[in-house]
Amino acid sequence: MEEETPLKFHEIPDKENSKPTSESIETESISLSDFEEKCPAGGEDSVIFYTTSLRGIRKTFEDCNTVRFLLESFRISFQERDVSLHMEFRDELWRLLRGRAIPPKLFIKGRFIGGADEVVTLHEQGKLKTILEGIEVLSLNSAACNGCGNIRFVVCLNCNGSCKVFKDGDSEEIFIRCSECNENGLVKCPICC
């Protein structure tokens, strides 16, 4: 006796009010206007990539490396904002996405593309290249920044990364919080930022 397979019903998304899913991406041509408009500071005409360099959660770290590898393979110019190096980047990402968000997250020309799964799906379908059209391409002899190695941060020279400095005018040894660096004792690279 043959078993009948039950019918499966799929909801048809409302094209005007939904962002692309991996299923809809497969069957349609795609443009940046198909993605939700969410523009990080300085991201109107550029690529902003929120990432983390912390290795505590392997999947998150590997996802960040995957997206970085894809962006680098297209040799495009992009701003990498490491939320583990600078709390302002984390807060900015959380404001943009209206809540806690785990990297990686990619924004292109003020549009939210998604995380690793969405970016990899777009790449596998050959659509990431289309979305990246018009982005500045790096020259073949582009080199890493001599100051920071493209990390965009260097150790604060005021406190040597300790986040503490002596309070002026006191004969006692009293430390205060360094006003020049972030929570990790880092400042933005003066050469490339």
N, C-alpha and C. Protein backbone atom coordinates (compact mmCIF):
# COMPACT_ATOMS: atom_id res chain seq x y z
N MET A 1 0.83 -1.18 0.00
CA MET A 1 0.00 0.00 0.00
C MET A 1 0.88 1.25 0.00
N GLU A 2 0.62 2.18 -0.92
CA GLU A 2 1.42 3.41 -1.03
C GLU A 2 0.95 4.44 -0.03
N GLU A 3 1.93 5.10 0.59
CA GLU A 3 1.60 6.17 1.52
C GLU A 3 1.47 7.47 0.76
N GLU A 4 0.44 8.23 1.10
CA GLU A 4 0.28 9.54 0.48
C GLU A 4 1.06 10.57 1.29
N THR A 5 1.76 11.42 0.59
CA THR A 5 2.47 12.47 1.30
C THR A 5 1.50 13.64 1.49
N PRO A 6 1.48 14.19 2.68
CA PRO A 6 0.54 15.29 2.93
C PRO A 6 0.95 16.54 2.14
N LEU A 7 -0.03 17.32 1.76
CA LEU A 7 0.22 18.57 1.05
C LEU A 7 0.80 19.58 2.02
N LYS A 8 1.73 20.34 1.52
CA LYS A 8 2.33 21.39 2.33
C LYS A 8 1.89 22.74 1.78
N PHE A 9 1.44 23.59 2.64
CA PHE A 9 1.03 24.93 2.24
C PHE A 9 2.06 25.93 2.69
N HIS A 10 2.42 26.82 1.80
CA HIS A 10 3.39 27.85 2.12
C HIS A 10 2.71 29.20 2.08
N GLU A 11 3.06 30.03 3.03
CA GLU A 11 2.52 31.39 3.02
C GLU A 11 3.21 32.19 1.94
N ILE A 12 2.46 33.00 1.24
CA ILE A 12 3.02 33.87 0.22
C ILE A 12 3.27 35.22 0.89
N PRO A 13 4.55 35.62 0.94
CA PRO A 13 4.86 36.87 1.64
C PRO A 13 4.34 38.09 0.89
N ASP A 14 4.00 39.11 1.64
CA ASP A 14 3.58 40.39 1.09
C ASP A 14 4.84 41.10 0.61
N LYS A 15 5.01 41.24 -0.73
CA LYS A 15 6.24 41.77 -1.30
C LYS A 15 6.55 43.19 -0.83
N GLU A 16 5.52 43.99 -0.60
CA GLU A 16 5.76 45.37 -0.25
C GLU A 16 6.24 45.53 1.19
N ASN A 17 5.89 44.62 2.09
CA ASN A 17 6.18 44.80 3.51
C ASN A 17 7.12 43.76 4.09
N SER A 18 7.83 43.03 3.25
CA SER A 18 8.74 42.02 3.81
C SER A 18 10.13 42.19 3.24
N LYS A 19 11.12 41.82 4.06
CA LYS A 19 12.48 41.85 3.57
C LYS A 19 12.77 40.51 2.92
N PRO A 20 13.75 40.46 2.02
CA PRO A 20 14.02 39.21 1.31
C PRO A 20 14.42 38.08 2.26
N THR A 21 13.93 36.90 1.98
CA THR A 21 14.35 35.71 2.71
C THR A 21 15.22 34.91 1.76
N SER A 22 15.88 33.88 2.27
CA SER A 22 16.73 33.08 1.40
C SER A 22 15.91 32.41 0.29
N GLU A 23 14.63 32.10 0.56
CA GLU A 23 13.79 31.50 -0.46
C GLU A 23 13.43 32.50 -1.56
N SER A 24 13.09 33.74 -1.18
CA SER A 24 12.73 34.72 -2.19
C SER A 24 13.95 35.20 -2.97
N ILE A 25 15.12 35.17 -2.35
CA ILE A 25 16.33 35.59 -3.01
C ILE A 25 16.65 34.66 -4.17
N GLU A 26 16.36 33.37 -4.02
CA GLU A 26 16.70 32.39 -5.03
C GLU A 26 16.00 32.65 -6.35
N THR A 27 14.78 33.14 -6.32
CA THR A 27 13.97 33.20 -7.53
C THR A 27 13.88 34.58 -8.15
N GLU A 28 14.39 35.61 -7.51
CA GLU A 28 14.23 36.97 -8.01
C GLU A 28 15.58 37.61 -8.23
N SER A 29 15.58 38.61 -9.14
CA SER A 29 16.77 39.45 -9.22
C SER A 29 16.73 40.35 -7.99
N ILE A 30 17.87 40.88 -7.63
CA ILE A 30 17.92 41.59 -6.36
C ILE A 30 18.65 42.92 -6.52
N SER A 31 18.24 43.89 -5.74
CA SER A 31 18.93 45.17 -5.69
C SER A 31 18.95 45.65 -4.24
N LEU A 32 19.74 46.66 -3.98
CA LEU A 32 19.84 47.17 -2.61
C LEU A 32 18.51 47.68 -2.09
N SER A 33 17.66 48.18 -2.96
CA SER A 33 16.37 48.71 -2.52
C SER A 33 15.46 47.63 -1.95
N ASP A 34 15.80 46.36 -2.16
CA ASP A 34 15.01 45.25 -1.60
C ASP A 34 15.28 45.05 -0.11
N PHE A 35 16.32 45.68 0.41
CA PHE A 35 16.70 45.48 1.80
C PHE A 35 16.27 46.66 2.65
N GLU A 36 16.08 46.39 3.93
CA GLU A 36 15.61 47.40 4.87
C GLU A 36 16.63 48.53 5.01
N GLU A 37 16.13 49.77 5.00
CA GLU A 37 17.01 50.92 5.13
C GLU A 37 17.34 51.14 6.59
N LYS A 38 18.62 50.96 6.92
CA LYS A 38 19.16 51.21 8.27
C LYS A 38 20.59 51.64 8.04
N CYS A 39 20.84 52.89 8.29
CA CYS A 39 22.14 53.45 7.92
C CYS A 39 23.00 53.77 9.13
N PRO A 40 24.11 53.04 9.30
CA PRO A 40 25.06 53.39 10.36
C PRO A 40 25.75 54.72 10.01
N ALA A 41 26.31 55.36 11.01
CA ALA A 41 27.03 56.61 10.79
C ALA A 41 28.13 56.40 9.75
N GLY A 42 28.15 57.24 8.72
CA GLY A 42 29.15 57.14 7.68
C GLY A 42 28.91 56.03 6.68
N GLY A 43 27.73 55.43 6.68
CA GLY A 43 27.47 54.29 5.82
C GLY A 43 26.62 54.56 4.60
N GLU A 44 26.38 55.85 4.28
CA GLU A 44 25.49 56.19 3.16
C GLU A 44 25.99 55.63 1.84
N ASP A 45 27.30 55.70 1.60
CA ASP A 45 27.87 55.25 0.33
C ASP A 45 28.99 54.24 0.52
N SER A 46 28.93 53.49 1.60
CA SER A 46 30.02 52.56 1.88
C SER A 46 29.49 51.25 2.46
N VAL A 47 30.40 50.35 2.72
CA VAL A 47 30.09 49.05 3.32
C VAL A 47 30.57 49.10 4.77
N ILE A 48 29.66 48.80 5.70
CA ILE A 48 29.98 48.76 7.12
C ILE A 48 29.77 47.31 7.59
N PHE A 49 30.80 46.76 8.21
CA PHE A 49 30.79 45.37 8.66
C PHE A 49 31.04 45.35 10.16
N TYR A 50 30.01 44.97 10.93
CA TYR A 50 30.15 44.83 12.39
C TYR A 50 30.61 43.42 12.67
N THR A 51 31.68 43.32 13.46
CA THR A 51 32.31 42.04 13.70
C THR A 51 32.78 41.97 15.15
N THR A 52 33.37 40.85 15.51
CA THR A 52 34.03 40.71 16.80
C THR A 52 35.31 39.92 16.60
N SER A 53 36.34 40.28 17.35
CA SER A 53 37.60 39.53 17.28
C SER A 53 37.73 38.58 18.47
N LEU A 54 36.74 38.57 19.35
CA LEU A 54 36.77 37.64 20.49
C LEU A 54 36.48 36.23 20.00
N ARG A 55 37.23 35.28 20.49
CA ARG A 55 37.09 33.89 20.06
C ARG A 55 36.29 33.04 21.05
N GLY A 56 35.66 33.67 22.02
CA GLY A 56 34.95 32.94 23.07
C GLY A 56 33.83 32.05 22.55
N ILE A 57 33.13 32.53 21.56
CA ILE A 57 32.06 31.71 20.95
C ILE A 57 32.51 31.40 19.53
N ARG A 58 32.92 30.18 19.32
CA ARG A 58 33.55 29.79 18.06
C ARG A 58 32.69 30.09 16.84
N LYS A 59 31.40 29.77 16.89
CA LYS A 59 30.52 29.98 15.72
C LYS A 59 30.47 31.46 15.33
N THR A 60 30.34 32.34 16.31
CA THR A 60 30.29 33.77 16.03
C THR A 60 31.60 34.22 15.39
N PHE A 61 32.72 33.81 15.94
CA PHE A 61 34.03 34.18 15.41
C PHE A 61 34.20 33.66 13.98
N GLU A 62 33.81 32.41 13.75
CA GLU A 62 33.94 31.83 12.41
C GLU A 62 33.01 32.52 11.41
N ASP A 63 31.80 32.86 11.85
CA ASP A 63 30.87 33.59 10.96
C ASP A 63 31.46 34.94 10.57
N CYS A 64 32.05 35.64 11.52
CA CYS A 64 32.68 36.93 11.23
C CYS A 64 33.81 36.77 10.22
N ASN A 65 34.63 35.74 10.40
CA ASN A 65 35.72 35.49 9.46
C ASN A 65 35.21 35.14 8.07
N THR A 66 34.10 34.41 8.00
CA THR A 66 33.52 34.05 6.71
C THR A 66 33.07 35.28 5.94
N VAL A 67 32.35 36.18 6.60
CA VAL A 67 31.89 37.40 5.94
C VAL A 67 33.08 38.28 5.55
N ARG A 68 34.07 38.41 6.44
CA ARG A 68 35.26 39.20 6.13
C ARG A 68 35.97 38.62 4.90
N PHE A 69 36.10 37.30 4.84
CA PHE A 69 36.75 36.65 3.70
C PHE A 69 36.01 36.97 2.40
N LEU A 70 34.68 36.90 2.43
CA LEU A 70 33.91 37.21 1.22
C LEU A 70 34.13 38.65 0.78
N LEU A 71 34.07 39.59 1.73
CA LEU A 71 34.27 40.99 1.38
C LEU A 71 35.68 41.22 0.83
N GLU A 72 36.67 40.61 1.45
CA GLU A 72 38.04 40.76 0.97
C GLU A 72 38.23 40.12 -0.40
N SER A 73 37.52 39.03 -0.67
CA SER A 73 37.67 38.36 -1.97
C SER A 73 37.13 39.22 -3.11
N PHE A 74 36.19 40.12 -2.83
CA PHE A 74 35.70 41.05 -3.84
C PHE A 74 36.59 42.28 -3.96
N ARG A 75 37.59 42.40 -3.08
CA ARG A 75 38.55 43.50 -3.07
C ARG A 75 37.87 44.86 -3.02
N ILE A 76 36.84 44.95 -2.19
CA ILE A 76 36.13 46.22 -2.04
C ILE A 76 36.59 46.90 -0.75
N SER A 77 36.37 48.18 -0.71
CA SER A 77 36.68 48.96 0.49
C SER A 77 35.52 48.82 1.47
N PHE A 78 35.81 48.46 2.72
CA PHE A 78 34.77 48.36 3.74
C PHE A 78 35.32 48.78 5.09
N GLN A 79 34.42 49.29 5.93
CA GLN A 79 34.79 49.68 7.29
C GLN A 79 34.42 48.54 8.22
N GLU A 80 35.40 48.04 8.93
CA GLU A 80 35.16 46.97 9.88
C GLU A 80 35.05 47.58 11.27
N ARG A 81 33.93 47.34 11.92
CA ARG A 81 33.69 47.89 13.26
C ARG A 81 33.62 46.73 14.25
N ASP A 82 34.67 46.58 15.00
CA ASP A 82 34.80 45.47 15.95
C ASP A 82 34.14 45.85 17.27
N VAL A 83 33.02 45.21 17.57
CA VAL A 83 32.26 45.56 18.78
C VAL A 83 32.99 45.15 20.06
N SER A 84 33.96 44.25 19.95
CA SER A 84 34.72 43.85 21.14
C SER A 84 35.86 44.82 21.44
N LEU A 85 36.25 45.64 20.47
CA LEU A 85 37.31 46.61 20.69
C LEU A 85 36.79 47.97 21.11
N HIS A 86 35.52 48.26 20.79
CA HIS A 86 35.00 49.60 21.04
C HIS A 86 33.51 49.51 21.36
N MET A 87 33.14 49.83 22.59
CA MET A 87 31.76 49.70 23.04
C MET A 87 30.81 50.60 22.24
N GLU A 88 31.30 51.73 21.74
CA GLU A 88 30.45 52.61 20.95
C GLU A 88 29.95 51.91 19.69
N PHE A 89 30.77 51.03 19.10
CA PHE A 89 30.34 50.27 17.93
C PHE A 89 29.21 49.31 18.31
N ARG A 90 29.36 48.65 19.47
CA ARG A 90 28.32 47.74 19.93
C ARG A 90 27.01 48.49 20.17
N ASP A 91 27.09 49.62 20.86
CA ASP A 91 25.90 50.41 21.13
C ASP A 91 25.25 50.92 19.84
N GLU A 92 26.07 51.32 18.89
CA GLU A 92 25.56 51.78 17.59
C GLU A 92 24.81 50.66 16.88
N LEU A 93 25.36 49.46 16.88
CA LEU A 93 24.71 48.31 16.26
C LEU A 93 23.39 47.99 16.95
N TRP A 94 23.39 48.02 18.27
CA TRP A 94 22.17 47.73 19.02
C TRP A 94 21.09 48.77 18.74
N ARG A 95 21.48 50.03 18.61
CA ARG A 95 20.51 51.09 18.28
C ARG A 95 19.92 50.86 16.89
N LEU A 96 20.79 50.53 15.94
CA LEU A 96 20.33 50.32 14.56
C LEU A 96 19.33 49.17 14.45
N LEU A 97 19.61 48.10 15.17
CA LEU A 97 18.76 46.90 15.08
C LEU A 97 17.73 46.82 16.20
N ARG A 98 17.62 47.88 16.98
CA ARG A 98 16.63 48.02 18.05
C ARG A 98 16.66 46.86 19.05
N GLY A 99 17.84 46.57 19.53
CA GLY A 99 18.00 45.53 20.53
C GLY A 99 19.37 44.87 20.40
N ARG A 100 19.59 43.91 21.26
CA ARG A 100 20.87 43.21 21.23
C ARG A 100 21.03 42.47 19.91
N ALA A 101 22.21 42.55 19.37
CA ALA A 101 22.51 41.89 18.10
C ALA A 101 23.89 41.27 18.19
N ILE A 102 24.01 40.09 17.65
CA ILE A 102 25.28 39.37 17.66
C ILE A 102 25.92 39.48 16.28
N PRO A 103 27.19 39.90 16.22
CA PRO A 103 27.87 39.99 14.93
C PRO A 103 28.02 38.60 14.30
N PRO A 104 28.27 38.53 13.02
CA PRO A 104 28.49 39.62 12.08
C PRO A 104 27.18 40.21 11.56
N LYS A 105 27.22 41.48 11.23
CA LYS A 105 26.10 42.18 10.59
C LYS A 105 26.69 43.06 9.50
N LEU A 106 26.06 43.03 8.33
CA LEU A 106 26.58 43.75 7.18
C LEU A 106 25.57 44.79 6.69
N PHE A 107 26.08 45.99 6.45
CA PHE A 107 25.29 47.09 5.91
C PHE A 107 25.99 47.57 4.64
N ILE A 108 25.22 47.74 3.57
CA ILE A 108 25.77 48.25 2.32
C ILE A 108 24.97 49.46 1.89
N LYS A 109 25.64 50.57 1.73
CA LYS A 109 25.01 51.84 1.32
C LYS A 109 23.74 52.14 2.10
N GLY A 110 23.82 52.01 3.41
CA GLY A 110 22.70 52.36 4.27
C GLY A 110 21.58 51.33 4.29
N ARG A 111 21.83 50.13 3.81
CA ARG A 111 20.83 49.06 3.81
C ARG A 111 21.35 47.89 4.63
N PHE A 112 20.47 47.31 5.46
CA PHE A 112 20.85 46.17 6.29
C PHE A 112 20.73 44.90 5.46
N ILE A 113 21.85 44.25 5.20
CA ILE A 113 21.88 43.03 4.39
C ILE A 113 21.60 41.81 5.26
N GLY A 114 22.20 41.75 6.45
CA GLY A 114 21.95 40.63 7.35
C GLY A 114 23.22 40.12 8.00
N GLY A 115 23.10 38.91 8.53
CA GLY A 115 24.22 38.26 9.18
C GLY A 115 24.92 37.30 8.23
N ALA A 116 25.69 36.38 8.79
CA ALA A 116 26.49 35.46 7.98
C ALA A 116 25.63 34.59 7.08
N ASP A 117 24.53 34.06 7.59
CA ASP A 117 23.70 33.16 6.78
C ASP A 117 23.17 33.87 5.54
N GLU A 118 22.69 35.10 5.71
CA GLU A 118 22.13 35.85 4.58
C GLU A 118 23.22 36.21 3.57
N VAL A 119 24.38 36.64 4.07
CA VAL A 119 25.47 37.05 3.17
C VAL A 119 26.00 35.84 2.39
N VAL A 120 26.19 34.72 3.07
CA VAL A 120 26.68 33.51 2.39
C VAL A 120 25.65 33.04 1.36
N THR A 121 24.37 33.07 1.70
CA THR A 121 23.33 32.67 0.74
C THR A 121 23.36 33.55 -0.49
N LEU A 122 23.47 34.86 -0.30
CA LEU A 122 23.56 35.78 -1.43
C LEU A 122 24.78 35.46 -2.29
N HIS A 123 25.91 35.18 -1.66
CA HIS A 123 27.12 34.87 -2.40
C HIS A 123 26.97 33.57 -3.20
N GLU A 124 26.44 32.54 -2.55
CA GLU A 124 26.27 31.25 -3.22
C GLU A 124 25.34 31.35 -4.42
N GLN A 125 24.41 32.28 -4.39
CA GLN A 125 23.48 32.47 -5.50
C GLN A 125 23.99 33.47 -6.52
N GLY A 126 25.20 34.00 -6.29
CA GLY A 126 25.79 34.94 -7.22
C GLY A 126 25.20 36.34 -7.15
N LYS A 127 24.50 36.66 -6.08
CA LYS A 127 23.82 37.95 -5.99
C LYS A 127 24.56 38.97 -5.13
N LEU A 128 25.53 38.53 -4.36
CA LEU A 128 26.29 39.47 -3.53
C LEU A 128 27.07 40.43 -4.41
N LYS A 129 27.61 39.92 -5.50
CA LYS A 129 28.37 40.77 -6.44
C LYS A 129 27.49 41.89 -6.98
N THR A 130 26.25 41.59 -7.30
CA THR A 130 25.31 42.60 -7.81
C THR A 130 25.06 43.68 -6.78
N ILE A 131 24.89 43.27 -5.53
CA ILE A 131 24.62 44.23 -4.45
C ILE A 131 25.84 45.13 -4.20
N LEU A 132 27.03 44.60 -4.43
CA LEU A 132 28.26 45.36 -4.17
C LEU A 132 28.68 46.27 -5.33
N GLU A 133 27.91 46.27 -6.42
CA GLU A 133 28.26 47.13 -7.55
C GLU A 133 28.25 48.59 -7.12
N GLY A 134 29.25 49.32 -7.57
CA GLY A 134 29.35 50.74 -7.24
C GLY A 134 30.17 51.02 -5.99
N ILE A 135 30.60 50.00 -5.29
CA ILE A 135 31.45 50.17 -4.11
C ILE A 135 32.90 50.33 -4.56
N GLU A 136 33.64 51.20 -3.90
CA GLU A 136 35.04 51.44 -4.25
C GLU A 136 35.84 50.14 -4.19
N VAL A 137 36.58 49.88 -5.27
CA VAL A 137 37.42 48.69 -5.36
C VAL A 137 38.83 49.07 -4.94
N LEU A 138 39.46 48.23 -4.15
CA LEU A 138 40.82 48.47 -3.69
C LEU A 138 41.80 48.22 -4.83
N SER A 139 42.87 48.98 -4.88
CA SER A 139 43.89 48.76 -5.89
C SER A 139 44.66 47.49 -5.56
N LEU A 140 45.32 46.95 -6.57
CA LEU A 140 46.05 45.70 -6.38
C LEU A 140 47.22 45.84 -5.41
N ASN A 141 47.76 47.04 -5.29
CA ASN A 141 48.90 47.21 -4.38
C ASN A 141 48.49 47.87 -3.07
N SER A 142 47.22 47.73 -2.67
CA SER A 142 46.77 48.26 -1.37
C SER A 142 47.48 47.51 -0.26
N ALA A 143 48.00 48.25 0.68
CA ALA A 143 48.72 47.63 1.79
C ALA A 143 48.00 47.95 3.10
N ALA A 144 48.33 47.18 4.10
CA ALA A 144 47.76 47.41 5.43
C ALA A 144 48.32 48.71 6.00
N CYS A 145 47.53 49.35 6.85
CA CYS A 145 47.96 50.59 7.51
C CYS A 145 49.23 50.32 8.32
N ASN A 146 50.21 51.21 8.21
CA ASN A 146 51.46 51.06 8.96
C ASN A 146 51.28 51.28 10.45
N GLY A 147 50.24 51.99 10.84
CA GLY A 147 50.03 52.29 12.25
C GLY A 147 49.31 51.18 13.01
N CYS A 148 48.28 50.60 12.37
CA CYS A 148 47.43 49.65 13.11
C CYS A 148 47.27 48.29 12.43
N GLY A 149 47.79 48.13 11.23
CA GLY A 149 47.62 46.86 10.53
C GLY A 149 46.18 46.62 10.13
N ASN A 150 45.43 47.70 9.86
CA ASN A 150 44.01 47.67 9.49
C ASN A 150 43.08 47.25 10.62
N ILE A 151 43.54 47.29 11.84
CA ILE A 151 42.68 47.01 12.98
C ILE A 151 41.91 48.26 13.37
N ARG A 152 42.41 49.44 12.97
CA ARG A 152 41.79 50.75 13.16
C ARG A 152 41.95 51.30 14.57
N PHE A 153 42.63 50.58 15.47
CA PHE A 153 42.88 51.06 16.83
C PHE A 153 44.34 50.81 17.18
N VAL A 154 44.89 51.69 18.03
CA VAL A 154 46.24 51.52 18.57
C VAL A 154 46.17 51.76 20.08
N VAL A 155 47.21 51.33 20.78
CA VAL A 155 47.27 51.52 22.23
C VAL A 155 47.40 53.02 22.53
N CYS A 156 46.65 53.47 23.51
CA CYS A 156 46.68 54.88 23.92
C CYS A 156 48.07 55.23 24.43
N LEU A 157 48.65 56.31 23.90
CA LEU A 157 49.98 56.73 24.32
C LEU A 157 49.94 57.52 25.62
N ASN A 158 48.79 58.04 25.99
CA ASN A 158 48.65 58.81 27.22
C ASN A 158 48.75 57.91 28.46
N CYS A 159 48.11 56.74 28.41
CA CYS A 159 48.09 55.85 29.58
C CYS A 159 48.75 54.50 29.31
N ASN A 160 49.29 54.31 28.10
CA ASN A 160 49.90 53.04 27.69
C ASN A 160 48.93 51.86 27.78
N GLY A 161 47.66 52.15 27.56
CA GLY A 161 46.65 51.09 27.54
C GLY A 161 46.09 50.70 28.88
N SER A 162 46.48 51.37 29.95
CA SER A 162 46.00 50.99 31.29
C SER A 162 44.67 51.64 31.64
N CYS A 163 44.28 52.66 30.90
CA CYS A 163 43.07 53.45 31.17
C CYS A 163 43.19 54.29 32.45
N LYS A 164 44.39 54.38 33.03
CA LYS A 164 44.59 55.14 34.26
C LYS A 164 45.74 56.13 34.07
N VAL A 165 45.57 57.33 34.60
CA VAL A 165 46.64 58.34 34.59
C VAL A 165 46.69 58.99 35.97
N PHE A 166 47.86 59.53 36.32
CA PHE A 166 47.98 60.24 37.58
C PHE A 166 47.17 61.52 37.54
N LYS A 167 46.53 61.84 38.65
CA LYS A 167 45.79 63.09 38.76
C LYS A 167 46.80 64.21 38.95
N ASP A 168 46.69 65.26 38.13
CA ASP A 168 47.65 66.38 38.18
C ASP A 168 47.50 67.18 39.46
N GLY A 169 48.63 67.70 39.95
CA GLY A 169 48.63 68.62 41.07
C GLY A 169 48.59 67.98 42.44
N ASP A 170 48.39 66.69 42.55
CA ASP A 170 48.37 66.05 43.86
C ASP A 170 49.72 65.42 44.17
N SER A 171 50.13 65.56 45.40
CA SER A 171 51.38 64.93 45.81
C SER A 171 51.18 63.44 46.04
N GLU A 172 49.93 63.04 46.28
CA GLU A 172 49.62 61.62 46.48
C GLU A 172 49.50 60.94 45.12
N GLU A 173 49.69 59.64 45.11
CA GLU A 173 49.53 58.87 43.88
C GLU A 173 48.07 58.49 43.72
N ILE A 174 47.32 59.34 43.04
CA ILE A 174 45.90 59.09 42.79
C ILE A 174 45.71 58.94 41.29
N PHE A 175 45.05 57.85 40.91
CA PHE A 175 44.78 57.59 39.50
C PHE A 175 43.37 58.03 39.15
N ILE A 176 43.23 58.53 37.93
CA ILE A 176 41.90 58.81 37.39
C ILE A 176 41.80 58.12 36.03
N ARG A 177 40.60 58.01 35.53
CA ARG A 177 40.35 57.37 34.23
C ARG A 177 40.93 58.23 33.12
N CYS A 178 41.66 57.62 32.20
CA CYS A 178 42.23 58.33 31.05
C CYS A 178 41.09 58.84 30.17
N SER A 179 41.16 60.09 29.79
CA SER A 179 40.09 60.70 29.00
C SER A 179 40.29 60.52 27.50
N GLU A 180 41.42 59.98 27.09
CA GLU A 180 41.73 59.88 25.67
C GLU A 180 41.39 58.53 25.04
N CYS A 181 41.25 57.48 25.83
CA CYS A 181 41.06 56.15 25.25
C CYS A 181 39.69 55.57 25.59
N ASN A 182 39.39 54.45 24.95
CA ASN A 182 38.12 53.76 25.22
C ASN A 182 38.30 52.79 26.39
N GLU A 183 37.31 51.96 26.61
CA GLU A 183 37.30 51.05 27.75
C GLU A 183 38.40 49.99 27.70
N ASN A 184 39.01 49.81 26.53
CA ASN A 184 40.08 48.83 26.37
C ASN A 184 41.48 49.45 26.30
N GLY A 185 41.59 50.76 26.57
CA GLY A 185 42.88 51.43 26.52
C GLY A 185 43.34 51.69 25.09
N LEU A 186 42.39 51.79 24.15
CA LEU A 186 42.70 51.98 22.74
C LEU A 186 42.17 53.32 22.23
N VAL A 187 42.84 53.85 21.22
CA VAL A 187 42.38 55.05 20.53
C VAL A 187 42.32 54.72 19.04
N LYS A 188 41.48 55.47 18.30
CA LYS A 188 41.41 55.25 16.85
C LYS A 188 42.76 55.58 16.23
N CYS A 189 43.14 54.81 15.25
CA CYS A 189 44.42 55.00 14.59
C CYS A 189 44.51 56.39 13.95
N PRO A 190 45.54 57.15 14.31
CA PRO A 190 45.68 58.50 13.74
C PRO A 190 46.06 58.51 12.26
N ILE A 191 46.50 57.39 11.73
CA ILE A 191 46.93 57.31 10.33
C ILE A 191 45.75 57.03 9.40
N CYS A 192 44.94 56.04 9.73
CA CYS A 192 43.90 55.61 8.78
C CYS A 192 42.47 55.99 9.18
N CYS A 193 42.28 56.51 10.37
CA CYS A 193 40.90 56.84 10.79
C CYS A 193 40.68 58.34 10.88
